[in-house]
Every structure is written in C-alpha cells, then in structure tokens.
Amino acid sequence: MIASTPNPPYYAVIFTNYLTENQDGYHEMAEHMVELAKEQSGYLGHESVRDQMGITISYWKDLESIKKWKEVAEHQLAQKLGKEKWYQSFKTRICLVEKDYGFER
C-alpha cells in the first residue's frame, strides 16, 4: 500500500538492507517496530518491500521526529540485534521530500 503523506515538505528515511541467514525473531521485531513507529510523534507513514533486498521508507514530519525515533529504547535494541545477527549489510538515507505527485485508479 502506498503511504498517504501530507503536502511537502516532509522527510523520508530510506532503509535498505540484506539479511543474513539467521532470521530468528527478525520478522516479529520488524512488525513490532512498524507498530511502535506508528505511535511516535511526527510519524506520517511507511512503505516496505522485500525480495532479496529489503527496502523500507518511513515518512516523518521533521528531523527532530526522526532523531527521537532513533533514540527510542526498543528501536535501539532492534538496531543492536540487527547489527549483531540479522543484517549482512544496510544503509540508511534521510531525505527532504520537496515535491510529490501520483496517480490512483
């Protein structure tokens, strides 16, 4: 589902990753992080896909909201476990969305 976002400007956090073979607990934690993110001030929505590479884009009101999300204790635990066992590699990019447009049938 395509996230419904407000008129720009807003921010996008693009998280791209490859998993290791050890995925024990990963999917449960990922689902929990989505639910927890939804509770955060400034959260606007997200989109996520996984084939071989995983890509999750979350949308935020401002940089302060992103900073506070990164500091949430449960999110920090997920980040630690990701580095220790779940991710072969990952990259996070934070972008200012200045313009958006779309189409829906």
PDB file of N, CA and C in Angstrom:
ATOM      1  N   MET A   1       0.845  -1.180   0.000  1.00  0.00           N
ATOM      2  CA  MET A   1       0.000   0.000   0.000  1.00  0.00           C
ATOM      3  C   MET A   1       0.892   1.245   0.000  1.00  0.00           C
ATOM      4  N   ILE A   2       0.544   2.222  -0.789  1.00  0.00           N
ATOM      5  CA  ILE A   2       1.298   3.471  -0.849  1.00  0.00           C
ATOM      6  C   ILE A   2       0.857   4.359   0.314  1.00  0.00           C
ATOM      7  N   ALA A   3       1.843   4.859   1.062  1.00  0.00           N
ATOM      8  CA  ALA A   3       1.554   5.697   2.223  1.00  0.00           C
ATOM      9  C   ALA A   3       0.888   6.999   1.780  1.00  0.00           C
ATOM     10  N   SER A   4      -0.067   7.428   2.556  1.00  0.00           N
ATOM     11  CA  SER A   4      -0.725   8.706   2.321  1.00  0.00           C
ATOM     12  C   SER A   4       0.044   9.759   3.120  1.00  0.00           C
ATOM     13  N   THR A   5       0.713  10.655   2.425  1.00  0.00           N
ATOM     14  CA  THR A   5       1.537  11.660   3.083  1.00  0.00           C
ATOM     15  C   THR A   5       0.949  13.047   2.862  1.00  0.00           C
ATOM     16  N   PRO A   6       1.300  13.999   3.731  1.00  0.00           N
ATOM     17  CA  PRO A   6       0.790  15.357   3.565  1.00  0.00           C
ATOM     18  C   PRO A   6       1.511  16.071   2.426  1.00  0.00           C
ATOM     19  N   ASN A   7       1.093  17.271   2.141  1.00  0.00           N
ATOM     20  CA  ASN A   7       1.802  18.076   1.161  1.00  0.00           C
ATOM     21  C   ASN A   7       3.217  18.342   1.676  1.00  0.00           C
ATOM     22  N   PRO A   8       4.209  18.278   0.800  1.00  0.00           N
ATOM     23  CA  PRO A   8       5.587  18.566   1.204  1.00  0.00           C
ATOM     24  C   PRO A   8       5.721  20.008   1.708  1.00  0.00           C
ATOM     25  N   PRO A   9       6.777  20.255   2.480  1.00  0.00           N
ATOM     26  CA  PRO A   9       7.915  19.374   2.720  1.00  0.00           C
ATOM     27  C   PRO A   9       7.688  18.439   3.910  1.00  0.00           C
ATOM     28  N   TYR A  10       8.327  17.286   3.841  1.00  0.00           N
ATOM     29  CA  TYR A  10       8.420  16.320   4.927  1.00  0.00           C
ATOM     30  C   TYR A  10       9.661  15.495   4.648  1.00  0.00           C
ATOM     31  N   TYR A  11       9.972  14.557   5.522  1.00  0.00           N
ATOM     32  CA  TYR A  11      11.202  13.773   5.386  1.00  0.00           C
ATOM     33  C   TYR A  11      10.910  12.307   5.121  1.00  0.00           C
ATOM     34  N   ALA A  12      11.828  11.671   4.402  1.00  0.00           N
ATOM     35  CA  ALA A  12      11.778  10.232   4.145  1.00  0.00           C
ATOM     36  C   ALA A  12      13.067   9.614   4.686  1.00  0.00           C
ATOM     37  N   VAL A  13      12.918   8.515   5.424  1.00  0.00           N
ATOM     38  CA  VAL A  13      14.066   7.720   5.861  1.00  0.00           C
ATOM     39  C   VAL A  13      14.024   6.435   5.045  1.00  0.00           C
ATOM     40  N   ILE A  14      15.035   6.240   4.222  1.00  0.00           N
ATOM     41  CA  ILE A  14      15.114   5.062   3.351  1.00  0.00           C
ATOM     42  C   ILE A  14      16.092   4.082   3.978  1.00  0.00           C
ATOM     43  N   PHE A  15      15.592   2.906   4.353  1.00  0.00           N
ATOM     44  CA  PHE A  15      16.412   1.877   4.995  1.00  0.00           C
ATOM     45  C   PHE A  15      16.488   0.685   4.046  1.00  0.00           C
ATOM     46  N   THR A  16      17.670   0.438   3.504  1.00  0.00           N
ATOM     47  CA  THR A  16      17.904  -0.633   2.542  1.00  0.00           C
ATOM     48  C   THR A  16      18.792  -1.678   3.199  1.00  0.00           C
ATOM     49  N   ASN A  17      18.456  -2.976   3.028  1.00  0.00           N
ATOM     50  CA  ASN A  17      19.248  -3.989   3.723  1.00  0.00           C
ATOM     51  C   ASN A  17      19.235  -5.335   3.017  1.00  0.00           C
ATOM     52  N   TYR A  18      20.245  -6.127   3.371  1.00  0.00           N
ATOM     53  CA  TYR A  18      20.321  -7.543   3.033  1.00  0.00           C
ATOM     54  C   TYR A  18      20.408  -8.298   4.343  1.00  0.00           C
ATOM     55  N   LEU A  19      19.624  -9.360   4.473  1.00  0.00           N
ATOM     56  CA  LEU A  19      19.609 -10.160   5.693  1.00  0.00           C
ATOM     57  C   LEU A  19      20.674 -11.256   5.658  1.00  0.00           C
ATOM     58  N   THR A  20      21.081 -11.690   6.846  1.00  0.00           N
ATOM     59  CA  THR A  20      21.916 -12.878   6.980  1.00  0.00           C
ATOM     60  C   THR A  20      20.997 -14.096   6.916  1.00  0.00           C
ATOM     61  N   GLU A  21      21.566 -15.272   7.019  1.00  0.00           N
ATOM     62  CA  GLU A  21      20.746 -16.488   7.060  1.00  0.00           C
ATOM     63  C   GLU A  21      20.016 -16.620   8.393  1.00  0.00           C
ATOM     64  N   ASN A  22      20.543 -15.997   9.461  1.00  0.00           N
ATOM     65  CA  ASN A  22      19.924 -16.053  10.778  1.00  0.00           C
ATOM     66  C   ASN A  22      18.824 -14.998  10.873  1.00  0.00           C
ATOM     67  N   GLN A  23      17.593 -15.432  10.681  1.00  0.00           N
ATOM     68  CA  GLN A  23      16.463 -14.515  10.752  1.00  0.00           C
ATOM     69  C   GLN A  23      15.574 -14.781  11.967  1.00  0.00           C
ATOM     70  N   ASP A  24      16.091 -15.553  12.921  1.00  0.00           N
ATOM     71  CA  ASP A  24      15.322 -15.869  14.125  1.00  0.00           C
ATOM     72  C   ASP A  24      14.864 -14.601  14.831  1.00  0.00           C
ATOM     73  N   GLY A  25      13.566 -14.397  14.895  1.00  0.00           N
ATOM     74  CA  GLY A  25      12.990 -13.255  15.581  1.00  0.00           C
ATOM     75  C   GLY A  25      12.938 -11.974  14.757  1.00  0.00           C
ATOM     76  N   TYR A  26      13.532 -11.989  13.575  1.00  0.00           N
ATOM     77  CA  TYR A  26      13.595 -10.769  12.765  1.00  0.00           C
ATOM     78  C   TYR A  26      12.210 -10.263  12.363  1.00  0.00           C
ATOM     79  N   HIS A  27      11.395 -11.130  11.801  1.00  0.00           N
ATOM     80  CA  HIS A  27      10.103 -10.690  11.266  1.00  0.00           C
ATOM     81  C   HIS A  27       9.175 -10.182  12.374  1.00  0.00           C
ATOM     82  N   GLU A  28       9.232 -10.827  13.531  1.00  0.00           N
ATOM     83  CA  GLU A  28       8.426 -10.362  14.667  1.00  0.00           C
ATOM     84  C   GLU A  28       8.897  -8.975  15.118  1.00  0.00           C
ATOM     85  N   MET A  29      10.217  -8.792  15.178  1.00  0.00           N
ATOM     86  CA  MET A  29      10.758  -7.497  15.588  1.00  0.00           C
ATOM     87  C   MET A  29      10.414  -6.429  14.554  1.00  0.00           C
ATOM     88  N   ALA A  30      10.513  -6.762  13.279  1.00  0.00           N
ATOM     89  CA  ALA A  30      10.186  -5.797  12.231  1.00  0.00           C
ATOM     90  C   ALA A  30       8.734  -5.346  12.344  1.00  0.00           C
ATOM     91  N   GLU A  31       7.827  -6.281  12.571  1.00  0.00           N
ATOM     92  CA  GLU A  31       6.414  -5.930  12.743  1.00  0.00           C
ATOM     93  C   GLU A  31       6.208  -5.059  13.977  1.00  0.00           C
ATOM     94  N   HIS A  32       6.921  -5.391  15.057  1.00  0.00           N
ATOM     95  CA  HIS A  32       6.814  -4.599  16.284  1.00  0.00           C
ATOM     96  C   HIS A  32       7.338  -3.178  16.052  1.00  0.00           C
ATOM     97  N   MET A  33       8.423  -3.033  15.286  1.00  0.00           N
ATOM     98  CA  MET A  33       8.975  -1.705  15.006  1.00  0.00           C
ATOM     99  C   MET A  33       7.995  -0.863  14.202  1.00  0.00           C
ATOM    100  N   VAL A  34       7.277  -1.474  13.265  1.00  0.00           N
ATOM    101  CA  VAL A  34       6.272  -0.736  12.498  1.00  0.00           C
ATOM    102  C   VAL A  34       5.188  -0.217  13.437  1.00  0.00           C
ATOM    103  N   GLU A  35       4.699  -1.080  14.319  1.00  0.00           N
ATOM    104  CA  GLU A  35       3.651  -0.663  15.254  1.00  0.00           C
ATOM    105  C   GLU A  35       4.153   0.422  16.202  1.00  0.00           C
ATOM    106  N   LEU A  36       5.377   0.288  16.662  1.00  0.00           N
ATOM    107  CA  LEU A  36       5.966   1.280  17.572  1.00  0.00           C
ATOM    108  C   LEU A  36       6.190   2.610  16.853  1.00  0.00           C
ATOM    109  N   ALA A  37       6.653   2.559  15.620  1.00  0.00           N
ATOM    110  CA  ALA A  37       6.878   3.792  14.846  1.00  0.00           C
ATOM    111  C   ALA A  37       5.571   4.556  14.672  1.00  0.00           C
ATOM    112  N   LYS A  38       4.490   3.828  14.432  1.00  0.00           N
ATOM    113  CA  LYS A  38       3.188   4.465  14.240  1.00  0.00           C
ATOM    114  C   LYS A  38       2.759   5.283  15.452  1.00  0.00           C
ATOM    115  N   GLU A  39       3.270   4.942  16.630  1.00  0.00           N
ATOM    116  CA  GLU A  39       2.922   5.642  17.867  1.00  0.00           C
ATOM    117  C   GLU A  39       3.753   6.905  18.094  1.00  0.00           C
ATOM    118  N   GLN A  40       4.800   7.105  17.289  1.00  0.00           N
ATOM    119  CA  GLN A  40       5.718   8.208  17.515  1.00  0.00           C
ATOM    120  C   GLN A  40       5.180   9.520  16.953  1.00  0.00           C
ATOM    121  N   SER A  41       5.434  10.585  17.684  1.00  0.00           N
ATOM    122  CA  SER A  41       5.076  11.919  17.222  1.00  0.00           C
ATOM    123  C   SER A  41       5.853  12.226  15.939  1.00  0.00           C
ATOM    124  N   GLY A  42       5.155  12.711  14.948  1.00  0.00           N
ATOM    125  CA  GLY A  42       5.801  13.080  13.697  1.00  0.00           C
ATOM    126  C   GLY A  42       5.813  11.996  12.636  1.00  0.00           C
ATOM    127  N   TYR A  43       5.405  10.771  12.993  1.00  0.00           N
ATOM    128  CA  TYR A  43       5.339   9.672  12.020  1.00  0.00           C
ATOM    129  C   TYR A  43       4.200   9.935  11.045  1.00  0.00           C
ATOM    130  N   LEU A  44       4.483   9.770   9.746  1.00  0.00           N
ATOM    131  CA  LEU A  44       3.471  10.035   8.716  1.00  0.00           C
ATOM    132  C   LEU A  44       3.041   8.797   7.943  1.00  0.00           C
ATOM    133  N   GLY A  45       3.834   7.726   7.973  1.00  0.00           N
ATOM    134  CA  GLY A  45       3.505   6.517   7.237  1.00  0.00           C
ATOM    135  C   GLY A  45       4.766   5.798   6.803  1.00  0.00           C
ATOM    136  N   HIS A  46       4.575   4.663   6.129  1.00  0.00           N
ATOM    137  CA  HIS A  46       5.732   3.909   5.632  1.00  0.00           C
ATOM    138  C   HIS A  46       5.316   3.020   4.465  1.00  0.00           C
ATOM    139  N   GLU A  47       6.331   2.570   3.738  1.00  0.00           N
ATOM    140  CA  GLU A  47       6.179   1.587   2.664  1.00  0.00           C
ATOM    141  C   GLU A  47       7.347   0.623   2.795  1.00  0.00           C
ATOM    142  N   SER A  48       7.095  -0.647   2.513  1.00  0.00           N
ATOM    143  CA  SER A  48       8.160  -1.638   2.686  1.00  0.00           C
ATOM    144  C   SER A  48       7.995  -2.773   1.679  1.00  0.00           C
ATOM    145  N   VAL A  49       9.119  -3.225   1.141  1.00  0.00           N
ATOM    146  CA  VAL A  49       9.137  -4.376   0.248  1.00  0.00           C
ATOM    147  C   VAL A  49      10.353  -5.227   0.572  1.00  0.00           C
ATOM    148  N   ARG A  50      10.229  -6.532   0.300  1.00  0.00           N
ATOM    149  CA  ARG A  50      11.361  -7.431   0.462  1.00  0.00           C
ATOM    150  C   ARG A  50      11.296  -8.480  -0.621  1.00  0.00           C
ATOM    151  N   ASP A  51      12.374  -8.576  -1.356  1.00  0.00           N
ATOM    152  CA  ASP A  51      12.580  -9.678  -2.284  1.00  0.00           C
ATOM    153  C   ASP A  51      13.875 -10.284  -1.794  1.00  0.00           C
ATOM    154  N   GLN A  52      14.968 -10.042  -2.466  1.00  0.00           N
ATOM    155  CA  GLN A  52      16.260 -10.406  -1.890  1.00  0.00           C
ATOM    156  C   GLN A  52      16.749  -9.255  -1.018  1.00  0.00           C
ATOM    157  N   MET A  53      16.573  -8.032  -1.523  1.00  0.00           N
ATOM    158  CA  MET A  53      16.913  -6.831  -0.767  1.00  0.00           C
ATOM    159  C   MET A  53      15.649  -6.318  -0.088  1.00  0.00           C
ATOM    160  N   GLY A  54      15.791  -5.800   1.119  1.00  0.00           N
ATOM    161  CA  GLY A  54      14.668  -5.173   1.798  1.00  0.00           C
ATOM    162  C   GLY A  54      14.790  -3.668   1.697  1.00  0.00           C
ATOM    163  N   ILE A  55      13.669  -3.004   1.444  1.00  0.00           N
ATOM    164  CA  ILE A  55      13.648  -1.541   1.410  1.00  0.00           C
ATOM    165  C   ILE A  55      12.425  -1.084   2.200  1.00  0.00           C
ATOM    166  N   THR A  56      12.669  -0.271   3.207  1.00  0.00           N
ATOM    167  CA  THR A  56      11.590   0.339   3.974  1.00  0.00           C
ATOM    168  C   THR A  56      11.800   1.841   3.936  1.00  0.00           C
ATOM    169  N   ILE A  57      10.750   2.541   3.575  1.00  0.00           N
ATOM    170  CA  ILE A  57      10.784   4.003   3.577  1.00  0.00           C
ATOM    171  C   ILE A  57       9.752   4.471   4.590  1.00  0.00           C
ATOM    172  N   SER A  58      10.216   5.207   5.580  1.00  0.00           N
ATOM    173  CA  SER A  58       9.282   5.790   6.540  1.00  0.00           C
ATOM    174  C   SER A  58       9.275   7.296   6.341  1.00  0.00           C
ATOM    175  N   TYR A  59       8.130   7.908   6.586  1.00  0.00           N
ATOM    176  CA  TYR A  59       7.935   9.331   6.340  1.00  0.00           C
ATOM    177  C   TYR A  59       7.695  10.033   7.667  1.00  0.00           C
ATOM    178  N   TRP A  60       8.326  11.196   7.800  1.00  0.00           N
ATOM    179  CA  TRP A  60       8.330  11.920   9.075  1.00  0.00           C
ATOM    180  C   TRP A  60       8.114  13.411   8.853  1.00  0.00           C
ATOM    181  N   LYS A  61       7.509  14.020   9.850  1.00  0.00           N
ATOM    182  CA  LYS A  61       7.205  15.454   9.806  1.00  0.00           C
ATOM    183  C   LYS A  61       8.470  16.306   9.740  1.00  0.00           C
ATOM    184  N   ASP A  62       9.493  15.943  10.542  1.00  0.00           N
ATOM    185  CA  ASP A  62      10.695  16.773  10.630  1.00  0.00           C
ATOM    186  C   ASP A  62      11.880  15.947  11.130  1.00  0.00           C
ATOM    187  N   LEU A  63      13.051  16.568  11.110  1.00  0.00           N
ATOM    188  CA  LEU A  63      14.272  15.873  11.539  1.00  0.00           C
ATOM    189  C   LEU A  63      14.238  15.536  13.027  1.00  0.00           C
ATOM    190  N   GLU A  64      13.611  16.373  13.822  1.00  0.00           N
ATOM    191  CA  GLU A  64      13.524  16.114  15.265  1.00  0.00           C
ATOM    192  C   GLU A  64      12.738  14.826  15.536  1.00  0.00           C
ATOM    193  N   SER A  65      11.667  14.593  14.794  1.00  0.00           N
ATOM    194  CA  SER A  65      10.882  13.357  14.948  1.00  0.00           C
ATOM    195  C   SER A  65      11.729  12.133  14.609  1.00  0.00           C
ATOM    196  N   ILE A  66      12.535  12.242  13.564  1.00  0.00           N
ATOM    197  CA  ILE A  66      13.415  11.134  13.169  1.00  0.00           C
ATOM    198  C   ILE A  66      14.441  10.870  14.269  1.00  0.00           C
ATOM    199  N   LYS A  67      15.021  11.928  14.799  1.00  0.00           N
ATOM    200  CA  LYS A  67      16.022  11.796  15.878  1.00  0.00           C
ATOM    201  C   LYS A  67      15.403  11.109  17.105  1.00  0.00           C
ATOM    202  N   LYS A  68      14.212  11.528  17.481  1.00  0.00           N
ATOM    203  CA  LYS A  68      13.549  10.929  18.652  1.00  0.00           C
ATOM    204  C   LYS A  68      13.234   9.456  18.404  1.00  0.00           C
ATOM    205  N   TRP A  69      12.821   9.099  17.183  1.00  0.00           N
ATOM    206  CA  TRP A  69      12.537   7.702  16.850  1.00  0.00           C
ATOM    207  C   TRP A  69      13.802   6.859  16.990  1.00  0.00           C
ATOM    208  N   LYS A  70      14.920   7.375  16.508  1.00  0.00           N
ATOM    209  CA  LYS A  70      16.187   6.641  16.592  1.00  0.00           C
ATOM    210  C   LYS A  70      16.585   6.393  18.041  1.00  0.00           C
ATOM    211  N   GLU A  71      16.158   7.268  18.949  1.00  0.00           N
ATOM    212  CA  GLU A  71      16.534   7.170  20.362  1.00  0.00           C
ATOM    213  C   GLU A  71      15.586   6.320  21.206  1.00  0.00           C
ATOM    214  N   VAL A  72      14.460   5.855  20.649  1.00  0.00           N
ATOM    215  CA  VAL A  72      13.521   5.018  21.404  1.00  0.00           C
ATOM    216  C   VAL A  72      14.239   3.721  21.805  1.00  0.00           C
ATOM    217  N   ALA A  73      14.172   3.369  23.089  1.00  0.00           N
ATOM    218  CA  ALA A  73      14.930   2.232  23.622  1.00  0.00           C
ATOM    219  C   ALA A  73      14.671   0.931  22.861  1.00  0.00           C
ATOM    220  N   GLU A  74      13.422   0.617  22.572  1.00  0.00           N
ATOM    221  CA  GLU A  74      13.116  -0.623  21.840  1.00  0.00           C
ATOM    222  C   GLU A  74      13.678  -0.593  20.427  1.00  0.00           C
ATOM    223  N   HIS A  75      13.682   0.594  19.821  1.00  0.00           N
ATOM    224  CA  HIS A  75      14.254   0.743  18.484  1.00  0.00           C
ATOM    225  C   HIS A  75      15.774   0.558  18.543  1.00  0.00           C
ATOM    226  N   GLN A  76      16.398   1.073  19.594  1.00  0.00           N
ATOM    227  CA  GLN A  76      17.839   0.886  19.762  1.00  0.00           C
ATOM    228  C   GLN A  76      18.187  -0.596  19.928  1.00  0.00           C
ATOM    229  N   LEU A  77      17.354  -1.331  20.657  1.00  0.00           N
ATOM    230  CA  LEU A  77      17.565  -2.776  20.802  1.00  0.00           C
ATOM    231  C   LEU A  77      17.461  -3.465  19.438  1.00  0.00           C
ATOM    232  N   ALA A  78      16.465  -3.100  18.651  1.00  0.00           N
ATOM    233  CA  ALA A  78      16.313  -3.692  17.313  1.00  0.00           C
ATOM    234  C   ALA A  78      17.528  -3.378  16.446  1.00  0.00           C
ATOM    235  N   GLN A  79      18.038  -2.151  16.535  1.00  0.00           N
ATOM    236  CA  GLN A  79      19.231  -1.777  15.776  1.00  0.00           C
ATOM    237  C   GLN A  79      20.434  -2.626  16.199  1.00  0.00           C
ATOM    238  N   LYS A  80      20.583  -2.830  17.501  1.00  0.00           N
ATOM    239  CA  LYS A  80      21.695  -3.630  18.030  1.00  0.00           C
ATOM    240  C   LYS A  80      21.600  -5.074  17.536  1.00  0.00           C
ATOM    241  N   LEU A  81      20.421  -5.665  17.649  1.00  0.00           N
ATOM    242  CA  LEU A  81      20.232  -7.044  17.183  1.00  0.00           C
ATOM    243  C   LEU A  81      20.435  -7.148  15.675  1.00  0.00           C
ATOM    244  N   GLY A  82      20.003  -6.136  14.948  1.00  0.00           N
ATOM    245  CA  GLY A  82      20.205  -6.124  13.503  1.00  0.00           C
ATOM    246  C   GLY A  82      21.678  -6.194  13.148  1.00  0.00           C
ATOM    247  N   LYS A  83      22.485  -5.380  13.818  1.00  0.00           N
ATOM    248  CA  LYS A  83      23.929  -5.378  13.553  1.00  0.00           C
ATOM    249  C   LYS A  83      24.583  -6.679  14.004  1.00  0.00           C
ATOM    250  N   GLU A  84      24.115  -7.232  15.115  1.00  0.00           N
ATOM    251  CA  GLU A  84      24.726  -8.451  15.666  1.00  0.00           C
ATOM    252  C   GLU A  84      24.361  -9.708  14.888  1.00  0.00           C
ATOM    253  N   LYS A  85      23.106  -9.802  14.382  1.00  0.00           N
ATOM    254  CA  LYS A  85      22.733 -11.081  13.784  1.00  0.00           C
ATOM    255  C   LYS A  85      21.879 -11.034  12.530  1.00  0.00           C
ATOM    256  N   TRP A  86      21.061 -10.007  12.307  1.00  0.00           N
ATOM    257  CA  TRP A  86      20.109 -10.074  11.210  1.00  0.00           C
ATOM    258  C   TRP A  86      20.606  -9.498   9.887  1.00  0.00           C
ATOM    259  N   TYR A  87      21.432  -8.466   9.932  1.00  0.00           N
ATOM    260  CA  TYR A  87      21.808  -7.780   8.700  1.00  0.00           C
ATOM    261  C   TYR A  87      23.190  -8.163   8.209  1.00  0.00           C
ATOM    262  N   GLN A  88      23.237  -8.528   6.943  1.00  0.00           N
ATOM    263  CA  GLN A  88      24.516  -8.705   6.256  1.00  0.00           C
ATOM    264  C   GLN A  88      25.090  -7.314   5.958  1.00  0.00           C
ATOM    265  N   SER A  89      24.195  -6.423   5.531  1.00  0.00           N
ATOM    266  CA  SER A  89      24.564  -5.033   5.282  1.00  0.00           C
ATOM    267  C   SER A  89      23.299  -4.190   5.282  1.00  0.00           C
ATOM    268  N   PHE A  90      23.470  -2.906   5.559  1.00  0.00           N
ATOM    269  CA  PHE A  90      22.347  -1.977   5.460  1.00  0.00           C
ATOM    270  C   PHE A  90      22.851  -0.568   5.213  1.00  0.00           C
ATOM    271  N   LYS A  91      21.957   0.271   4.749  1.00  0.00           N
ATOM    272  CA  LYS A  91      22.243   1.685   4.520  1.00  0.00           C
ATOM    273  C   LYS A  91      20.988   2.464   4.866  1.00  0.00           C
ATOM    274  N   THR A  92      21.161   3.570   5.599  1.00  0.00           N
ATOM    275  CA  THR A  92      20.056   4.461   5.928  1.00  0.00           C
ATOM    276  C   THR A  92      20.316   5.806   5.273  1.00  0.00           C
ATOM    277  N   ARG A  93      19.299   6.320   4.620  1.00  0.00           N
ATOM    278  CA  ARG A  93      19.390   7.625   3.975  1.00  0.00           C
ATOM    279  C   ARG A  93      18.221   8.481   4.465  1.00  0.00           C
ATOM    280  N   ILE A  94      18.496   9.733   4.782  1.00  0.00           N
ATOM    281  CA  ILE A  94      17.460  10.652   5.232  1.00  0.00           C
ATOM    282  C   ILE A  94      17.350  11.758   4.193  1.00  0.00           C
ATOM    283  N   CYS A  95      16.139  11.932   3.664  1.00  0.00           N
ATOM    284  CA  CYS A  95      15.921  12.843   2.535  1.00  0.00           C
ATOM    285  C   CYS A  95      14.792  13.816   2.835  1.00  0.00           C
ATOM    286  N   LEU A  96      14.931  15.030   2.363  1.00  0.00           N
ATOM    287  CA  LEU A  96      13.852  16.004   2.405  1.00  0.00           C
ATOM    288  C   LEU A  96      13.008  15.832   1.147  1.00  0.00           C
ATOM    289  N   VAL A  97      11.730  15.593   1.330  1.00  0.00           N
ATOM    290  CA  VAL A  97      10.810  15.490   0.190  1.00  0.00           C
ATOM    291  C   VAL A  97      10.297  16.899  -0.082  1.00  0.00           C
ATOM    292  N   GLU A  98      10.645  17.415  -1.240  1.00  0.00           N
ATOM    293  CA  GLU A  98      10.255  18.762  -1.613  1.00  0.00           C
ATOM    294  C   GLU A  98       9.035  18.786  -2.534  1.00  0.00           C
ATOM    295  N   LYS A  99       8.833  17.663  -3.220  1.00  0.00           N
ATOM    296  CA  LYS A  99       7.718  17.592  -4.158  1.00  0.00           C
ATOM    297  C   LYS A  99       7.265  16.130  -4.244  1.00  0.00           C
ATOM    298  N   ASP A 100       5.967  15.907  -4.336  1.00  0.00           N
ATOM    299  CA  ASP A 100       5.465  14.559  -4.616  1.00  0.00           C
ATOM    300  C   ASP A 100       4.220  14.669  -5.485  1.00  0.00           C
ATOM    301  N   TYR A 101       3.967  13.640  -6.227  1.00  0.00           N
ATOM    302  CA  TYR A 101       2.767  13.569  -7.061  1.00  0.00           C
ATOM    303  C   TYR A 101       2.496  12.101  -7.343  1.00  0.00           C
ATOM    304  N   GLY A 102       1.301  11.780  -7.770  1.00  0.00           N
ATOM    305  CA  GLY A 102       0.978  10.380  -8.008  1.00  0.00           C
ATOM    306  C   GLY A 102      -0.265  10.208  -8.848  1.00  0.00           C
ATOM    307  N   PHE A 103      -0.674   8.967  -8.931  1.00  0.00           N
ATOM    308  CA  PHE A 103      -1.840   8.586  -9.714  1.00  0.00           C
ATOM    309  C   PHE A 103      -2.480   7.400  -9.005  1.00  0.00           C
ATOM    310  N   GLU A 104      -3.780   7.402  -8.991  1.00  0.00           N
ATOM    311  CA  GLU A 104      -4.514   6.265  -8.426  1.00  0.00           C
ATOM    312  C   GLU A 104      -5.763   6.025  -9.265  1.00  0.00           C
ATOM    313  N   ARG A 105      -5.954   4.800  -9.697  1.00  0.00           N
ATOM    314  CA  ARG A 105      -7.114   4.435 -10.492  1.00  0.00           C
ATOM    315  C   ARG A 105      -8.268   4.120  -9.576  1.00  0.00           C
TER     316      ARG A 105
END
